[in-house]
Protein backbone atom coordinates (compact mmCIF):
# COMPACT_ATOMS: atom_id res chain seq x y z
CA MET A 1 0.00 0.00 0.00
CA ALA A 2 1.38 3.43 -0.94
CA TYR A 3 1.29 6.28 1.57
CA GLU A 4 -0.75 9.27 0.40
CA TRP A 5 -0.36 12.78 1.84
CA PRO A 6 -4.05 13.68 2.41
CA HIS A 7 -3.61 17.43 1.93
CA ALA A 8 -1.83 17.29 -1.44
CA ARG A 9 -2.83 13.94 -2.90
CA ALA A 10 0.86 13.18 -3.55
CA THR A 11 1.48 9.44 -3.54
CA PHE A 12 4.79 7.84 -2.59
CA GLU A 13 5.73 4.23 -3.24
CA LYS A 14 6.53 3.70 0.44
CA THR A 15 4.28 2.68 3.30
CA ARG A 16 3.67 5.07 6.17
CA GLU A 17 5.99 2.96 8.33
CA GLU A 18 8.77 3.20 5.71
CA VAL A 19 8.30 6.99 5.48
CA ASP A 20 8.40 7.30 9.29
CA GLN A 21 11.56 5.16 9.43
CA CYS A 22 13.21 7.24 6.69
CA ILE A 23 12.45 10.41 8.67
CA ALA A 24 13.80 8.83 11.87
CA ASP A 25 16.96 7.63 10.07
CA HIS A 26 17.66 11.16 8.85
CA ALA A 27 16.48 13.13 11.89
CA ASP A 28 20.04 13.78 13.08
CA TYR A 29 20.76 15.74 9.86
CA SER A 30 18.39 18.48 10.98
CA LEU A 31 19.93 18.62 14.45
CA ASN A 32 23.61 18.95 13.51
CA ALA A 33 23.27 21.97 11.17
CA GLU A 34 24.82 20.14 8.21
CA PRO A 35 23.53 20.99 4.73
CA LEU A 36 20.71 18.91 3.31
CA ARG A 37 22.02 15.80 1.61
CA TYR A 38 20.19 14.94 -1.59
CA ASP A 39 20.01 11.25 -2.43
CA GLU A 40 18.17 10.27 -5.62
CA ARG A 41 17.26 6.94 -4.02
CA GLU A 42 15.08 8.81 -1.51
CA VAL A 43 12.95 10.57 -4.15
CA ILE A 44 10.15 8.51 -5.61
CA GLY A 45 7.57 10.23 -7.80
CA GLU A 46 7.57 13.56 -9.56
CA ALA A 47 9.44 16.43 -7.92
CA GLU A 48 6.46 18.81 -8.10
CA GLN A 49 4.45 16.42 -5.95
CA ILE A 50 7.16 16.32 -3.32
CA ALA A 51 8.30 19.95 -3.37
CA GLY A 52 4.99 21.75 -3.82
CA MET A 53 1.62 21.67 -5.50
CA PRO A 54 1.11 18.77 -7.89
CA TYR A 55 0.95 19.92 -11.51
CA ARG A 56 -1.51 17.16 -12.49
CA GLY A 57 -4.67 16.26 -10.61
CA THR A 58 -8.03 14.62 -11.05
CA PRO A 59 -10.05 16.69 -13.55
CA GLY A 60 -12.38 19.07 -11.71
CA SER A 61 -10.70 18.51 -8.34
CA TRP A 62 -8.91 20.81 -5.89
CA ALA A 63 -5.60 20.48 -4.05
CA SER A 64 -4.27 22.45 -1.10
CA SER A 65 -0.70 23.33 -0.22
CA MET A 66 1.29 21.32 2.27
CA PRO A 67 1.38 22.50 5.91
CA GLY A 68 4.10 25.07 6.50
CA LYS A 69 4.00 26.29 2.89
CA MET A 70 2.28 29.39 1.50
CA PRO A 71 -1.50 28.80 1.84
CA GLN A 72 -2.69 27.97 -1.66
CA LEU A 73 -5.52 26.17 -3.42
CA ARG A 74 -5.28 24.77 -6.95
CA GLN A 75 -8.25 23.98 -9.17
CA TYR A 76 -7.74 21.44 -11.97
CA GLY A 77 -9.36 21.74 -15.38
CA ARG A 78 -10.96 19.09 -17.61
CA ASP A 79 -7.59 17.68 -18.68
CA GLY A 80 -6.20 17.46 -15.13
CA THR A 81 -3.79 20.39 -15.51
CA PRO A 82 -3.99 23.55 -13.35
CA LEU A 83 -6.86 25.91 -14.15
CA THR A 84 -6.53 28.46 -11.32
CA ASP A 85 -4.31 28.94 -8.26
CA PHE A 86 -5.72 30.86 -5.30
CA ASP A 87 -2.89 32.25 -3.17
CA LEU A 88 -3.93 33.27 0.33
CA GLU A 89 -0.75 35.20 1.13
CA ALA A 90 0.65 38.35 -0.46
CA HIS A 91 3.77 37.86 -2.59
CA HIS A 92 5.41 39.13 -5.80
CA GLY A 93 3.55 42.44 -5.47
CA ASN A 94 0.12 40.80 -5.41
CA SER A 95 -2.44 41.48 -2.72
CA ASN A 96 -3.81 38.95 -0.31
CA PRO A 97 -5.74 36.97 -1.53
CA HIS A 98 -5.10 36.79 -5.26
CA ALA A 99 -5.55 34.30 -8.09
CA HIS A 100 -3.42 33.11 -11.00
CA ASN A 101 -5.05 31.67 -14.11
CA TRP A 102 -3.24 29.00 -16.12
CA VAL A 103 -3.43 29.27 -19.91
CA GLY A 104 -1.61 26.77 -22.10
CA GLY A 105 0.39 25.47 -19.13
CA VAL A 106 1.62 28.96 -18.17
CA ARG A 107 0.60 30.70 -14.93
CA ASP A 108 -0.24 34.41 -15.29
CA GLU A 109 0.95 37.24 -13.02
CA GLY A 110 -2.15 37.11 -10.82
CA ALA A 111 -4.93 39.50 -9.88
CA PRO A 112 -6.70 40.41 -6.60
CA VAL A 113 -9.81 38.37 -5.76
CA SER A 114 -12.36 38.23 -2.98
CA LEU A 115 -13.24 34.90 -1.47
CA LEU A 116 -16.46 36.37 -0.08
CA PRO A 117 -19.66 35.47 -1.96
CA TRP A 118 -20.78 39.10 -2.36
């Protein structure tokens, strides 16, 4: 059984116990102030699913950012690619909240939006 992060729908080919053991095995790295060590054997799946919002999703579905990251929602279009990103934090000169539309696989600069229904 693969472990699935419930908030991002990113699936890894490891069980929850294997993920927990991997974290425990590498816990000392974060305590001794050494730089992060990248090991290709540790990465399974597409980088965008591990590092941030998944680029592909179930058509018509939504994904949310991982805890500790910029609060963001992504809506997927009919083909499973991003349709709109709703960013709930100000950045790159955009207000909070703001939205980015995706056209032809390219995310636009963003525009202010209201999440209120009126």
